[in-house]
Amino acid sequence: MRKLALVLTIAACSLVPRGYAQTREEMIAMAKAKAREMKQEELVNLETETARALQWNTGTFFRRVYGDDFVGILPSGKILSKAEWIAAIESSGVQYTSFVASDVQVRMFEDTAVVTCLWSMRGTQGGKAFSRQSRVTHVYVYGQRGWQAVASQETQLPG
């Protein structure tokens, strides 16, 4: 049965003229798929850069990538604006030895993306060592300045 299917497949392929041009619709679909893939890769990179900026306690990245109307929700439930978020990062007093964003999942809806990931961090705060993980959700909107984060929600995992 498999041999017959293989023979029929080869025969059908031989009937298609060599150099068969793709239709315009196929070419457009391929271009859209490639653009979508590139946007997804960019979002994964932004999550990695977010982790790096947090590890270094620097607000420069957030000034560039976070929208002016950004709202962040901390594990405690406290809501922060973009300015408050940056001030909290730069004055946190936390020294990270490791901060990694992994398990990055991207869901796109036209020019909006919902990105979830796992933050794993280690460091010291107030002279005490800590190790913790959080699940994080970011909402991004694609505009003239590229991807801009407009919302963030962090939930600290138990343990």
Protein backbone atom coordinates (compact mmCIF):
# COMPACT_ATOMS: atom_id res chain seq x y z
CA MET A 1 0.00 0.00 0.00
CA ARG A 2 2.82 2.41 0.89
CA LYS A 3 4.65 1.58 -2.34
CA LEU A 4 1.52 2.35 -4.36
CA ALA A 5 1.08 5.71 -2.59
CA LEU A 6 4.73 6.57 -3.21
CA VAL A 7 4.48 5.66 -6.91
CA LEU A 8 1.30 7.72 -7.32
CA THR A 9 2.90 10.71 -5.55
CA ILE A 10 5.97 10.56 -7.78
CA ALA A 11 3.79 10.24 -10.88
CA ALA A 12 1.67 13.23 -9.85
CA CYS A 13 4.76 15.34 -9.19
CA SER A 14 6.18 14.50 -12.60
CA LEU A 15 3.05 15.95 -14.22
CA VAL A 16 3.70 19.40 -12.68
CA PRO A 17 5.88 21.48 -15.03
CA ARG A 18 9.36 22.31 -13.77
CA GLY A 19 9.75 25.89 -12.51
CA TYR A 20 6.06 26.11 -11.69
CA ALA A 21 5.49 29.69 -10.58
CA GLN A 22 3.62 30.34 -7.39
CA THR A 23 0.39 32.22 -7.63
CA ARG A 24 0.25 35.82 -6.45
CA GLU A 25 -1.88 34.78 -3.48
CA GLU A 26 0.66 32.16 -2.40
CA MET A 27 3.47 34.70 -2.61
CA ILE A 28 1.49 37.22 -0.52
CA ALA A 29 0.67 34.54 2.06
CA MET A 30 4.34 33.55 2.28
CA ALA A 31 5.40 37.19 2.72
CA LYS A 32 2.81 37.71 5.48
CA ALA A 33 3.93 34.53 7.24
CA LYS A 34 7.57 35.67 7.10
CA ALA A 35 6.67 39.12 8.45
CA ARG A 36 4.68 37.51 11.27
CA GLU A 37 7.60 35.23 12.12
CA MET A 38 9.98 38.20 12.23
CA LYS A 39 7.62 40.11 14.56
CA GLN A 40 7.39 37.09 16.86
CA GLU A 41 11.19 36.81 16.99
CA GLU A 42 11.40 40.52 17.82
CA LEU A 43 8.98 40.04 20.72
CA VAL A 44 10.98 37.10 22.08
CA ASN A 45 14.10 39.30 21.91
CA LEU A 46 12.28 42.09 23.76
CA GLU A 47 11.49 39.67 26.60
CA THR A 48 15.17 38.72 26.82
CA GLU A 49 16.15 42.40 26.84
CA THR A 50 13.55 43.09 29.53
CA ALA A 51 15.16 40.49 31.78
CA ARG A 52 18.61 41.96 31.11
CA ALA A 53 17.44 45.51 31.91
CA LEU A 54 15.87 44.30 35.16
CA GLN A 55 19.05 42.44 36.10
CA TRP A 56 21.09 45.62 35.59
CA ASN A 57 18.49 47.86 37.32
CA THR A 58 18.49 50.25 34.36
CA GLY A 59 15.50 52.18 33.05
CA THR A 60 16.95 53.01 29.62
CA PHE A 61 15.36 50.01 27.92
CA PHE A 62 11.96 50.75 29.46
CA ARG A 63 12.07 54.41 28.40
CA ARG A 64 12.50 53.23 24.81
CA VAL A 65 10.18 50.21 24.64
CA TYR A 66 7.39 50.94 27.12
CA GLY A 67 4.58 53.17 25.90
CA ASP A 68 3.79 56.44 27.66
CA ASP A 69 0.45 54.98 28.77
CA PHE A 70 2.05 51.79 30.13
CA VAL A 71 0.53 50.25 33.25
CA GLY A 72 2.30 47.54 35.25
CA ILE A 73 0.83 45.34 37.95
CA LEU A 74 3.24 43.95 40.53
CA PRO A 75 2.78 40.58 42.30
CA SER A 76 1.47 42.57 45.29
CA GLY A 77 -1.30 44.02 43.13
CA LYS A 78 0.19 47.52 43.13
CA ILE A 79 -0.34 49.39 39.86
CA LEU A 80 2.52 51.46 38.44
CA SER A 81 2.74 53.94 35.57
CA LYS A 82 5.72 53.94 33.22
CA ALA A 83 7.52 56.59 35.30
CA GLU A 84 6.79 54.75 38.55
CA TRP A 85 7.94 51.44 36.99
CA ILE A 86 11.26 52.93 35.91
CA ALA A 87 11.79 54.65 39.28
CA ALA A 88 11.07 51.38 41.10
CA ILE A 89 13.61 49.49 38.97
CA GLU A 90 16.34 52.09 39.32
CA SER A 91 15.91 52.46 43.09
CA SER A 92 15.01 48.89 44.03
CA GLY A 93 18.20 48.04 45.89
CA VAL A 94 17.97 44.52 44.46
CA GLN A 95 21.20 43.05 43.12
CA TYR A 96 20.50 40.23 40.69
CA THR A 97 23.10 37.56 40.05
CA SER A 98 20.80 35.95 37.48
CA PHE A 99 17.62 37.02 35.70
CA VAL A 100 16.33 34.83 32.87
CA ALA A 101 13.19 35.00 30.75
CA SER A 102 12.23 31.54 29.44
CA ASP A 103 9.20 29.69 28.11
CA VAL A 104 8.31 32.73 26.00
CA GLN A 105 4.94 32.29 24.26
CA VAL A 106 3.72 34.83 21.70
CA ARG A 107 0.13 35.22 20.54
CA MET A 108 -0.49 37.84 17.88
CA PHE A 109 -3.71 39.62 16.97
CA GLU A 110 -3.00 41.92 14.02
CA ASP A 111 -0.94 44.77 15.57
CA THR A 112 -1.33 43.58 19.15
CA ALA A 113 0.59 40.78 20.87
CA VAL A 114 0.19 39.03 24.19
CA VAL A 115 3.48 37.59 25.39
CA THR A 116 3.80 35.29 28.39
CA CYS A 117 7.00 34.02 29.92
CA LEU A 118 8.65 32.65 33.01
CA TRP A 119 11.04 34.90 34.92
CA SER A 120 13.64 33.07 37.02
CA MET A 121 15.74 35.31 39.22
CA ARG A 122 18.38 35.10 41.91
CA GLY A 123 20.03 37.83 43.88
CA THR A 124 20.17 39.72 47.13
CA GLN A 125 17.92 42.35 48.66
CA GLY A 126 18.62 44.00 51.97
CA GLY A 127 21.56 41.64 52.48
CA LYS A 128 19.35 38.55 52.12
CA ALA A 129 19.69 36.09 49.26
CA PHE A 130 16.59 35.12 47.31
CA SER A 131 15.58 32.87 44.45
CA ARG A 132 12.14 33.11 42.89
CA GLN A 133 10.09 32.65 39.75
CA SER A 134 7.21 34.60 38.29
CA ARG A 135 4.81 34.16 35.41
CA VAL A 136 4.60 37.39 33.44
CA THR A 137 2.22 38.66 30.79
CA HIS A 138 3.07 41.63 28.57
CA VAL A 139 0.76 43.29 26.07
CA TYR A 140 2.48 44.97 23.13
CA VAL A 141 1.09 47.20 20.38
CA TYR A 142 2.89 47.64 17.06
CA GLY A 143 3.08 51.22 15.81
CA GLN A 144 5.39 53.80 14.25
CA ARG A 145 8.04 53.20 16.93
CA GLY A 146 7.85 49.41 16.60
CA TRP A 147 6.60 47.27 19.47
CA GLN A 148 5.58 49.22 22.57
CA ALA A 149 4.65 47.50 25.82
CA VAL A 150 1.38 48.92 27.15
CA ALA A 151 0.64 46.54 30.03
CA SER A 152 2.41 44.07 32.32
CA GLN A 153 1.16 41.63 34.95
CA GLU A 154 3.54 39.63 37.17
CA THR A 155 2.45 36.73 39.35
CA GLN A 156 5.05 35.31 41.74
CA LEU A 157 5.06 31.52 41.87
CA PRO A 158 4.99 29.79 45.25
CA GLY A 159 8.14 28.25 46.65
